[in-house]
PDB file of N, CA and C in Angstrom:
ATOM      1  N   MET A   1     129.750 123.297 115.091  1.00  0.00           N
ATOM      2  CA  MET A   1     128.978 122.459 116.201  1.00  0.00           C
ATOM      3  C   MET A   1     127.187 122.924 115.320  1.00  0.00           C
ATOM      4  N   GLU A   2     127.225 124.718 115.084  1.00  0.00           N
ATOM      5  CA  GLU A   2     125.988 125.248 114.448  1.00  0.00           C
ATOM      6  C   GLU A   2     125.959 124.418 113.203  1.00  0.00           C
ATOM      7  N   MET A   3     126.314 124.183 112.293  1.00  0.00           N
ATOM      8  CA  MET A   3     125.773 123.565 111.190  1.00  0.00           C
ATOM      9  C   MET A   3     125.751 122.047 111.659  1.00  0.00           C
ATOM     10  N   MET A   4     126.140 121.255 112.956  1.00  0.00           N
ATOM     11  CA  MET A   4     125.825 119.861 112.675  1.00  0.00           C
ATOM     12  C   MET A   4     124.156 119.890 113.163  1.00  0.00           C
ATOM     13  N   ASN A   5     123.886 121.156 114.036  1.00  0.00           N
ATOM     14  CA  ASN A   5     122.659 121.491 114.658  1.00  0.00           C
ATOM     15  C   ASN A   5     121.318 121.739 113.996  1.00  0.00           C
ATOM     16  N   ARG A   6     122.184 122.212 112.551  1.00  0.00           N
ATOM     17  CA  ARG A   6     121.074 122.561 111.689  1.00  0.00           C
ATOM     18  C   ARG A   6     121.151 121.292 110.702  1.00  0.00           C
ATOM     19  N   ALA A   7     121.949 120.340 110.785  1.00  0.00           N
ATOM     20  CA  ALA A   7     121.971 119.235 109.545  1.00  0.00           C
ATOM     21  C   ALA A   7     120.861 118.593 110.663  1.00  0.00           C
ATOM     22  N   ILE A   8     120.745 118.403 111.887  1.00  0.00           N
ATOM     23  CA  ILE A   8     120.003 117.446 112.796  1.00  0.00           C
ATOM     24  C   ILE A   8     118.753 118.007 112.461  1.00  0.00           C
ATOM     25  N   GLU A   9     118.286 119.276 112.377  1.00  0.00           N
ATOM     26  CA  GLU A   9     116.880 119.709 112.044  1.00  0.00           C
ATOM     27  C   GLU A   9     116.345 119.590 111.173  1.00  0.00           C
ATOM     28  N   ASP A  10     117.342 119.488 109.984  1.00  0.00           N
ATOM     29  CA  ASP A  10     116.699 119.403 108.447  1.00  0.00           C
ATOM     30  C   ASP A  10     116.419 118.226 108.530  1.00  0.00           C
ATOM     31  N   ALA A  11     116.691 117.068 109.151  1.00  0.00           N
ATOM     32  CA  ALA A  11     116.764 115.785 108.919  1.00  0.00           C
ATOM     33  C   ALA A  11     115.641 115.564 109.095  1.00  0.00           C
ATOM     34  N   SER A  12     115.217 115.930 110.747  1.00  0.00           N
ATOM     35  CA  SER A  12     114.393 115.924 111.278  1.00  0.00           C
ATOM     36  C   SER A  12     112.661 116.417 110.295  1.00  0.00           C
ATOM     37  N   ASP A  13     112.702 117.220 109.794  1.00  0.00           N
ATOM     38  CA  ASP A  13     111.860 117.959 109.678  1.00  0.00           C
ATOM     39  C   ASP A  13     111.556 117.505 107.562  1.00  0.00           C
ATOM     40  N   PHE A  14     112.564 116.699 107.524  1.00  0.00           N
ATOM     41  CA  PHE A  14     112.201 115.988 106.217  1.00  0.00           C
ATOM     42  C   PHE A  14     111.377 114.641 106.369  1.00  0.00           C
ATOM     43  N   SER A  15     111.869 113.849 108.066  1.00  0.00           N
ATOM     44  CA  SER A  15     111.469 112.349 108.089  1.00  0.00           C
ATOM     45  C   SER A  15     110.160 112.920 107.983  1.00  0.00           C
ATOM     46  N   GLU A  16     109.477 113.664 109.096  1.00  0.00           N
ATOM     47  CA  GLU A  16     108.592 114.411 109.346  1.00  0.00           C
ATOM     48  C   GLU A  16     107.702 114.464 107.844  1.00  0.00           C
ATOM     49  N   MET A  17     108.067 115.588 107.435  1.00  0.00           N
ATOM     50  CA  MET A  17     107.439 115.372 105.715  1.00  0.00           C
ATOM     51  C   MET A  17     106.989 113.844 105.079  1.00  0.00           C
ATOM     52  N   LEU A  18     108.216 113.557 104.994  1.00  0.00           N
ATOM     53  CA  LEU A  18     108.565 112.133 104.083  1.00  0.00           C
ATOM     54  C   LEU A  18     107.044 111.044 105.107  1.00  0.00           C
ATOM     55  N   LYS A  19     106.689 111.334 106.299  1.00  0.00           N
ATOM     56  CA  LYS A  19     106.002 110.072 107.081  1.00  0.00           C
ATOM     57  C   LYS A  19     104.598 110.828 107.097  1.00  0.00           C
ATOM     58  N   LYS A  20     104.160 112.374 106.677  1.00  0.00           N
ATOM     59  CA  LYS A  20     103.062 112.977 106.223  1.00  0.00           C
ATOM     60  C   LYS A  20     102.435 112.096 104.805  1.00  0.00           C
ATOM     61  N   ILE A  21     103.515 112.656 103.826  1.00  0.00           N
ATOM     62  CA  ILE A  21     103.503 111.890 102.430  1.00  0.00           C
ATOM     63  C   ILE A  21     103.422 110.558 102.712  1.00  0.00           C
ATOM     64  N   GLU A  22     103.430 109.870 103.153  1.00  0.00           N
ATOM     65  CA  GLU A  22     103.221 108.304 103.196  1.00  0.00           C
ATOM     66  C   GLU A  22     102.140 107.925 103.511  1.00  0.00           C
ATOM     67  N   GLU A  23     101.680 109.041 104.727  1.00  0.00           N
ATOM     68  CA  GLU A  23     100.293 108.282 105.335  1.00  0.00           C
ATOM     69  C   GLU A  23      99.069 108.880 104.211  1.00  0.00           C
ATOM     70  N   ALA A  24      98.958 110.087 103.436  1.00  0.00           N
ATOM     71  CA  ALA A  24      98.545 110.427 102.691  1.00  0.00           C
ATOM     72  C   ALA A  24      98.672 109.750 101.265  1.00  0.00           C
ATOM     73  N   VAL A  25      99.498 109.074 101.066  1.00  0.00           N
ATOM     74  CA  VAL A  25      99.024 108.463  99.313  1.00  0.00           C
ATOM     75  C   VAL A  25      99.000 106.921 100.196  1.00  0.00           C
ATOM     76  N   PRO A  26      98.362 106.031  99.497  1.00  0.00           N
ATOM     77  CA  PRO A  26      97.835 104.841  99.881  1.00  0.00           C
ATOM     78  C   PRO A  26      99.038 103.689  98.985  1.00  0.00           C
ATOM     79  N   VAL A  27      99.744 102.754  99.651  1.00  0.00           N
ATOM     80  CA  VAL A  27     100.454 102.200  98.777  1.00  0.00           C
ATOM     81  C   VAL A  27      99.949 101.103  98.426  1.00  0.00           C
ATOM     82  N   ARG A  28     100.117 100.667  97.120  1.00  0.00           N
ATOM     83  CA  ARG A  28      99.228  99.829  95.961  1.00  0.00           C
ATOM     84  C   ARG A  28     100.920  98.041  96.652  1.00  0.00           C
ATOM     85  N   THR A  29      99.621  97.438  97.375  1.00  0.00           N
ATOM     86  CA  THR A  29     100.247  96.218  97.269  1.00  0.00           C
ATOM     87  C   THR A  29     100.588  95.067  96.476  1.00  0.00           C
ATOM     88  N   LYS A  30      99.283  95.449  95.578  1.00  0.00           N
ATOM     89  CA  LYS A  30      99.453  95.081  94.459  1.00  0.00           C
ATOM     90  C   LYS A  30      99.011  95.086  93.447  1.00  0.00           C
ATOM     91  N   ARG A  31      98.988  95.266  91.884  1.00  0.00           N
ATOM     92  CA  ARG A  31      98.895  95.563  90.804  1.00  0.00           C
ATOM     93  C   ARG A  31      97.208  95.188  90.857  1.00  0.00           C
ATOM     94  N   SER A  32      96.807  96.727  90.621  1.00  0.00           N
ATOM     95  CA  SER A  32      94.514  96.308  90.328  1.00  0.00           C
ATOM     96  C   SER A  32      94.691  95.800  88.805  1.00  0.00           C
ATOM     97  N   LYS A  33      94.166  94.945  88.975  1.00  0.00           N
ATOM     98  CA  LYS A  33      93.617  93.763  88.032  1.00  0.00           C
ATOM     99  C   LYS A  33      92.509  94.729  86.417  1.00  0.00           C
ATOM    100  N   LEU A  34      92.810  94.566  85.624  1.00  0.00           N
ATOM    101  CA  LEU A  34      92.395  94.982  84.042  1.00  0.00           C
ATOM    102  C   LEU A  34      91.032  94.643  84.097  1.00  0.00           C
ATOM    103  N   GLN A  35      90.571  95.827  84.037  1.00  0.00           N
ATOM    104  CA  GLN A  35      88.833  95.643  84.180  1.00  0.00           C
ATOM    105  C   GLN A  35      88.334  95.946  82.516  1.00  0.00           C
ATOM    106  N   LEU A  36      88.288  94.619  81.860  1.00  0.00           N
ATOM    107  CA  LEU A  36      87.520  95.313  80.049  1.00  0.00           C
ATOM    108  C   LEU A  36      86.086  95.288  80.624  1.00  0.00           C
ATOM    109  N   PRO A  37      86.048  96.206  79.242  1.00  0.00           N
ATOM    110  CA  PRO A  37      84.637  96.572  78.904  1.00  0.00           C
ATOM    111  C   PRO A  37      83.613  95.592  78.370  1.00  0.00           C
ATOM    112  N   GLU A  38      82.460  95.265  78.338  1.00  0.00           N
ATOM    113  CA  GLU A  38      81.813  94.162  78.415  1.00  0.00           C
ATOM    114  C   GLU A  38      81.657  93.527  77.457  1.00  0.00           C
ATOM    115  N   HIS A  39      81.981  94.681  75.937  1.00  0.00           N
ATOM    116  CA  HIS A  39      82.158  94.214  74.461  1.00  0.00           C
ATOM    117  C   HIS A  39      82.710  93.593  74.758  1.00  0.00           C
ATOM    118  N   LEU A  40      84.104  93.810  75.091  1.00  0.00           N
ATOM    119  CA  LEU A  40      85.687  92.956  75.021  1.00  0.00           C
ATOM    120  C   LEU A  40      85.957  91.670  75.484  1.00  0.00           C
ATOM    121  N   LYS A  41      85.053  91.026  76.622  1.00  0.00           N
ATOM    122  CA  LYS A  41      85.020  89.742  77.410  1.00  0.00           C
ATOM    123  C   LYS A  41      84.790  88.989  76.463  1.00  0.00           C
ATOM    124  N   GLY A  42      85.570  88.149  76.674  1.00  0.00           N
ATOM    125  CA  GLY A  42      85.621  86.482  76.291  1.00  0.00           C
ATOM    126  C   GLY A  42      85.392  86.870  74.213  1.00  0.00           C
ATOM    127  N   THR A  43      86.223  87.365  73.999  1.00  0.00           N
ATOM    128  CA  THR A  43      86.781  87.775  72.883  1.00  0.00           C
ATOM    129  C   THR A  43      88.093  86.923  72.051  1.00  0.00           C
ATOM    130  N   ASP A  44      88.261  86.415  71.173  1.00  0.00           N
ATOM    131  CA  ASP A  44      89.345  85.853  70.991  1.00  0.00           C
ATOM    132  C   ASP A  44      90.410  86.499  70.864  1.00  0.00           C
ATOM    133  N   PRO A  45      91.607  86.047  70.931  1.00  0.00           N
ATOM    134  CA  PRO A  45      92.654  87.219  71.335  1.00  0.00           C
ATOM    135  C   PRO A  45      93.265  86.752  69.754  1.00  0.00           C
ATOM    136  N   LYS A  46      94.828  87.573  69.504  1.00  0.00           N
ATOM    137  CA  LYS A  46      94.822  87.957  68.378  1.00  0.00           C
ATOM    138  C   LYS A  46      95.717  86.842  67.788  1.00  0.00           C
ATOM    139  N   PRO A  47      95.678  86.488  66.670  1.00  0.00           N
ATOM    140  CA  PRO A  47      96.486  85.017  65.916  1.00  0.00           C
ATOM    141  C   PRO A  47      97.471  85.929  65.659  1.00  0.00           C
ATOM    142  N   PRO A  48      98.421  85.045  65.509  1.00  0.00           N
ATOM    143  CA  PRO A  48      99.627  85.244  65.528  1.00  0.00           C
ATOM    144  C   PRO A  48     100.391  85.690  63.956  1.00  0.00           C
ATOM    145  N   GLN A  49     100.880  86.232  63.720  1.00  0.00           N
ATOM    146  CA  GLN A  49     101.343  86.945  62.346  1.00  0.00           C
ATOM    147  C   GLN A  49     101.937  85.640  61.801  1.00  0.00           C
ATOM    148  N   ARG A  50     101.920  85.036  60.266  1.00  0.00           N
ATOM    149  CA  ARG A  50     102.307  84.270  59.724  1.00  0.00           C
ATOM    150  C   ARG A  50     103.586  84.288  59.231  1.00  0.00           C
ATOM    151  N   ALA A  51     104.212  83.083  58.792  1.00  0.00           N
ATOM    152  CA  ALA A  51     105.443  83.177  58.485  1.00  0.00           C
ATOM    153  C   ALA A  51     105.499  84.420  57.032  1.00  0.00           C
ATOM    154  N   GLY A  52     106.426  85.443  56.632  1.00  0.00           N
ATOM    155  CA  GLY A  52     106.594  86.089  55.897  1.00  0.00           C
ATOM    156  C   GLY A  52     105.197  86.844  55.611  1.00  0.00           C
ATOM    157  N   GLU A  53     104.856  87.182  56.501  1.00  0.00           N
ATOM    158  CA  GLU A  53     103.431  88.384  56.395  1.00  0.00           C
ATOM    159  C   GLU A  53     103.784  89.551  56.784  1.00  0.00           C
ATOM    160  N   THR A  54     103.763  90.315  55.928  1.00  0.00           N
ATOM    161  CA  THR A  54     104.426  91.633  56.031  1.00  0.00           C
ATOM    162  C   THR A  54     103.275  92.131  57.457  1.00  0.00           C
ATOM    163  N   LEU A  55     103.895  93.604  58.371  1.00  0.00           N
ATOM    164  CA  LEU A  55     103.251  93.899  59.118  1.00  0.00           C
ATOM    165  C   LEU A  55     101.608  94.239  58.720  1.00  0.00           C
ATOM    166  N   LYS A  56     102.371  95.315  57.834  1.00  0.00           N
ATOM    167  CA  LYS A  56     100.742  95.724  56.887  1.00  0.00           C
ATOM    168  C   LYS A  56      99.952  95.044  56.665  1.00  0.00           C
ATOM    169  N   ASP A  57     100.115  93.740  56.087  1.00  0.00           N
ATOM    170  CA  ASP A  57      99.039  92.510  56.031  1.00  0.00           C
ATOM    171  C   ASP A  57      98.185  92.017  56.923  1.00  0.00           C
ATOM    172  N   TYR A  58      99.237  91.443  58.471  1.00  0.00           N
ATOM    173  CA  TYR A  58      98.957  90.827  58.848  1.00  0.00           C
ATOM    174  C   TYR A  58      97.602  91.984  59.901  1.00  0.00           C
ATOM    175  N   ARG A  59      97.618  93.655  59.817  1.00  0.00           N
ATOM    176  CA  ARG A  59      97.095  94.395  60.505  1.00  0.00           C
ATOM    177  C   ARG A  59      95.657  94.644  59.991  1.00  0.00           C
ATOM    178  N   ARG A  60      95.726  94.213  58.318  1.00  0.00           N
ATOM    179  CA  ARG A  60      94.612  94.000  57.649  1.00  0.00           C
ATOM    180  C   ARG A  60      94.082  93.463  57.901  1.00  0.00           C
ATOM    181  N   ARG A  61      94.475  91.777  57.994  1.00  0.00           N
ATOM    182  CA  ARG A  61      94.077  91.080  58.874  1.00  0.00           C
ATOM    183  C   ARG A  61      92.676  90.287  59.293  1.00  0.00           C
ATOM    184  N   LEU A  62      93.659  91.398  60.821  1.00  0.00           N
ATOM    185  CA  LEU A  62      93.169  91.294  61.657  1.00  0.00           C
ATOM    186  C   LEU A  62      91.792  92.593  61.458  1.00  0.00           C
ATOM    187  N   LEU A  63      91.748  93.395  60.808  1.00  0.00           N
ATOM    188  CA  LEU A  63      90.709  94.052  60.752  1.00  0.00           C
ATOM    189  C   LEU A  63      89.875  93.651  59.944  1.00  0.00           C
ATOM    190  N   CYS A  64      90.135  93.335  59.469  1.00  0.00           N
ATOM    191  CA  CYS A  64      88.997  92.281  58.377  1.00  0.00           C
ATOM    192  C   CYS A  64      88.447  90.733  58.373  1.00  0.00           C
ATOM    193  N   ARG A  65      88.826  90.899  59.818  1.00  0.00           N
ATOM    194  CA  ARG A  65      87.952  88.998  60.643  1.00  0.00           C
ATOM    195  C   ARG A  65      86.785  89.463  60.817  1.00  0.00           C
TER     196      ARG A  65
END
């Protein structure tokens, strides 16, 4: 019986601690939108990799455009 009382007390303490943690940390319901720096807004997306093009060549092409 004593063990049962300890278990009930521990569960109560745990639920109180969990409530405090949940109140302290706000829950995110939606992902925050990514804010891009001004110099990156309006830039064209990366072009796709060409057929037969190696990754090294693709990166070189992107950096040189």
